[in-house]
């Protein structure tokens, strides 16, 4: 398996991976919703604000993740990990964990202090994420499932309170994703 940064040349393949993966697990409408989000992220990609990483096996993209900048009223170098897709045939084999760790290491090298995500604690806890309260770090939108707000300090320490509001990139700036 080869882990690397995504290029724009594979955007349709990446969109298809997310559509199929989310359709298989969450239904066709969720597959389309996330595929459209991925298309927006790829179209607006700025190397400083949106990063994409992929896992390739036998010249096929088998997993892909996005990190997008979160900004705060207080100066914190933070990113949001979302969305994540691992092809159904490759789930449960550590591919997602390896790719997330690869991305986290790349962010750490860039001086990123904090990574947040919104998802399944059972999965994300395997790569160091912990449930955080919105009193500690506020999400950009009201969360449908507040227990899914997770974070990780990339310096290995505890997450300290970040005062004020947070703001996401334009592609995520819609309550339907939260």
Protein backbone atom coordinates (compact mmCIF):
# COMPACT_ATOMS: atom_id res chain seq x y z
CA UNK A 1 0.00 0.00 0.00
CA UNK A 2 1.30 3.43 -0.96
CA UNK A 3 0.25 6.51 1.06
CA UNK A 4 0.58 9.94 -0.56
CA UNK A 5 -0.87 13.39 -1.12
CA UNK A 6 -3.76 13.54 -3.60
CA UNK A 7 -3.42 15.38 -6.86
CA UNK A 8 -6.18 17.05 -8.86
CA UNK A 9 -5.78 14.43 -11.60
CA UNK A 10 -7.72 11.81 -9.64
CA UNK A 11 -10.68 13.96 -8.51
CA UNK A 12 -13.36 11.92 -10.31
CA UNK A 13 -11.93 8.64 -8.95
CA UNK A 14 -11.83 10.11 -5.43
CA UNK A 15 -15.42 11.38 -5.69
CA UNK A 16 -16.56 7.93 -6.86
CA UNK A 17 -14.79 6.23 -3.93
CA UNK A 18 -16.68 8.43 -1.43
CA UNK A 19 -19.99 7.97 -3.25
CA UNK A 20 -19.71 4.17 -3.27
CA UNK A 21 -18.36 3.86 0.26
CA UNK A 22 -21.00 6.09 1.84
CA UNK A 23 -23.80 4.62 -0.30
CA UNK A 24 -22.82 1.13 0.89
CA UNK A 25 -22.84 2.12 4.57
CA UNK A 26 -25.37 4.97 4.84
CA UNK A 27 -27.58 4.77 1.75
CA UNK A 28 -27.54 6.34 -1.69
CA UNK A 29 -28.63 9.84 -0.61
CA UNK A 30 -25.77 10.04 1.91
CA UNK A 31 -23.40 8.75 -0.77
CA UNK A 32 -24.41 11.59 -3.09
CA UNK A 33 -24.23 14.18 -0.28
CA UNK A 34 -20.66 13.21 0.63
CA UNK A 35 -19.61 12.84 -3.03
CA UNK A 36 -20.78 16.41 -3.65
CA UNK A 37 -18.90 17.60 -0.55
CA UNK A 38 -15.74 15.93 -1.87
CA UNK A 39 -16.25 17.55 -5.26
CA UNK A 40 -16.53 20.97 -3.55
CA UNK A 41 -13.42 20.29 -1.45
CA UNK A 42 -11.44 19.22 -4.53
CA UNK A 43 -12.62 22.19 -6.59
CA UNK A 44 -11.72 24.75 -3.93
CA UNK A 45 -8.55 23.08 -2.76
CA UNK A 46 -5.91 25.40 -1.44
CA UNK A 47 -2.80 23.58 -0.21
CA UNK A 48 -2.81 25.73 2.91
CA UNK A 49 -6.47 25.15 3.82
CA UNK A 50 -7.49 21.79 2.33
CA UNK A 51 -5.28 18.71 2.29
CA UNK A 52 -6.12 15.34 0.78
CA UNK A 53 -4.30 12.04 1.30
CA UNK A 54 -4.84 8.70 -0.42
CA UNK A 55 -3.93 5.04 -0.09
CA UNK A 56 -3.20 3.17 -3.31
CA UNK A 57 -3.00 -0.55 -3.89
CA UNK A 58 -2.57 -2.14 -7.35
CA UNK A 59 -2.87 1.33 -8.94
CA UNK A 60 -6.33 1.82 -7.40
CA UNK A 61 -7.28 4.39 -4.76
CA UNK A 62 -8.59 2.29 -1.87
CA UNK A 63 -8.90 5.04 0.76
CA UNK A 64 -8.91 8.81 0.93
CA UNK A 65 -9.11 11.45 3.67
CA UNK A 66 -9.47 15.22 3.77
CA UNK A 67 -8.25 17.74 6.32
CA UNK A 68 -9.60 21.29 6.09
CA UNK A 69 -8.64 24.35 8.10
CA UNK A 70 -10.67 25.44 11.09
CA UNK A 71 -10.14 29.00 12.19
CA UNK A 72 -10.97 30.49 15.56
CA UNK A 73 -11.35 33.91 17.09
CA UNK A 74 -8.25 32.90 19.08
CA UNK A 75 -5.09 32.04 17.12
CA UNK A 76 -4.92 28.22 16.91
CA UNK A 77 -3.48 26.21 14.03
CA UNK A 78 -6.27 23.64 13.63
CA UNK A 79 -7.77 21.34 11.01
CA UNK A 80 -10.91 19.24 10.65
CA UNK A 81 -10.51 15.60 9.57
CA UNK A 82 -13.47 14.82 7.33
CA UNK A 83 -14.56 13.04 5.28
CA UNK A 84 -12.83 9.66 5.36
CA UNK A 85 -13.54 6.78 2.97
CA UNK A 86 -12.07 3.29 2.81
CA UNK A 87 -13.29 1.10 -0.03
CA UNK A 88 -15.68 -1.51 1.35
CA UNK A 89 -13.40 -4.38 0.24
CA UNK A 90 -10.53 -2.93 2.30
CA UNK A 91 -12.32 -2.03 5.54
CA UNK A 92 -11.24 -3.64 8.79
CA UNK A 93 -7.63 -4.09 7.61
CA UNK A 94 -6.06 -0.99 9.19
CA UNK A 95 -6.01 1.01 5.93
CA UNK A 96 -7.98 3.93 7.38
CA UNK A 97 -5.86 4.04 10.53
CA UNK A 98 -2.63 4.01 8.53
CA UNK A 99 -3.86 6.78 6.24
CA UNK A 100 -5.10 8.95 9.11
CA UNK A 101 -1.78 8.54 10.95
CA UNK A 102 0.04 9.47 7.73
CA UNK A 103 -2.07 12.63 7.43
CA UNK A 104 -1.67 13.52 11.12
CA UNK A 105 2.11 13.22 10.80
CA UNK A 106 2.08 15.51 7.75
CA UNK A 107 0.02 18.07 9.70
CA UNK A 108 2.33 17.77 12.71
CA UNK A 109 5.28 18.57 10.41
CA UNK A 110 3.41 21.70 9.25
CA UNK A 111 3.06 22.88 12.84
CA UNK A 112 -0.66 22.10 13.21
CA UNK A 113 -1.60 22.03 16.90
CA UNK A 114 -5.11 20.61 16.94
CA UNK A 115 -7.17 18.25 14.76
CA UNK A 116 -10.89 17.79 15.24
CA UNK A 117 -13.33 15.40 13.65
CA UNK A 118 -17.00 14.56 13.88
CA UNK A 119 -17.69 10.86 13.84
CA UNK A 120 -17.56 7.44 15.46
CA UNK A 121 -15.49 7.40 18.67
CA UNK A 122 -14.96 3.63 18.29
CA UNK A 123 -13.09 4.22 15.03
CA UNK A 124 -11.32 7.51 15.71
CA UNK A 125 -10.14 6.53 19.19
CA UNK A 126 -7.88 3.98 17.49
CA UNK A 127 -5.85 6.90 16.10
CA UNK A 128 -5.80 9.02 19.26
CA UNK A 129 -8.99 11.07 19.10
CA UNK A 130 -11.00 11.71 22.27
CA UNK A 131 -14.47 13.08 22.87
CA UNK A 132 -14.36 16.79 23.63
CA UNK A 133 -17.04 19.06 24.94
CA UNK A 134 -18.08 22.07 22.89
CA UNK A 135 -17.33 24.17 25.97
CA UNK A 136 -13.68 23.31 25.26
CA UNK A 137 -13.73 23.70 21.46
CA UNK A 138 -16.88 24.97 19.75
CA UNK A 139 -17.94 23.38 16.45
CA UNK A 140 -18.72 25.70 13.51
CA UNK A 141 -22.38 24.59 13.48
CA UNK A 142 -24.76 23.01 15.97
CA UNK A 143 -23.96 19.30 16.19
CA UNK A 144 -26.68 16.71 15.60
CA UNK A 145 -24.67 14.19 17.67
CA UNK A 146 -22.51 16.15 20.16
CA UNK A 147 -20.95 12.90 21.43
CA UNK A 148 -19.27 12.63 18.01
CA UNK A 149 -17.19 15.82 18.44
CA UNK A 150 -13.65 14.51 18.81
CA UNK A 151 -10.21 16.05 19.01
CA UNK A 152 -6.51 15.39 19.27
CA UNK A 153 -3.67 17.70 20.26
CA UNK A 154 -0.80 16.92 17.90
CA UNK A 155 1.81 17.76 20.51
CA UNK A 156 0.67 14.73 22.53
CA UNK A 157 -0.74 16.83 25.36
CA UNK A 158 -4.27 17.53 26.44
CA UNK A 159 -6.63 19.75 24.47
CA UNK A 160 -6.96 23.08 26.18
CA UNK A 161 -9.95 25.36 25.89
CA UNK A 162 -10.12 27.44 22.72
CA UNK A 163 -12.27 30.49 23.44
CA UNK A 164 -14.76 31.85 20.92
CA UNK A 165 -16.31 30.51 17.76
CA UNK A 166 -14.80 28.29 15.07
CA UNK A 167 -15.16 28.69 11.33
CA UNK A 168 -14.84 26.01 8.65
CA UNK A 169 -13.91 26.18 4.97
CA UNK A 170 -16.73 27.11 2.58
CA UNK A 171 -17.41 23.51 1.46
CA UNK A 172 -18.36 22.58 5.07
CA UNK A 173 -20.19 25.82 5.80
CA UNK A 174 -23.63 24.18 5.79
CA UNK A 175 -25.57 22.71 8.74
CA UNK A 176 -26.41 19.54 6.74
CA UNK A 177 -22.87 18.28 7.41
CA UNK A 178 -23.10 18.81 11.15
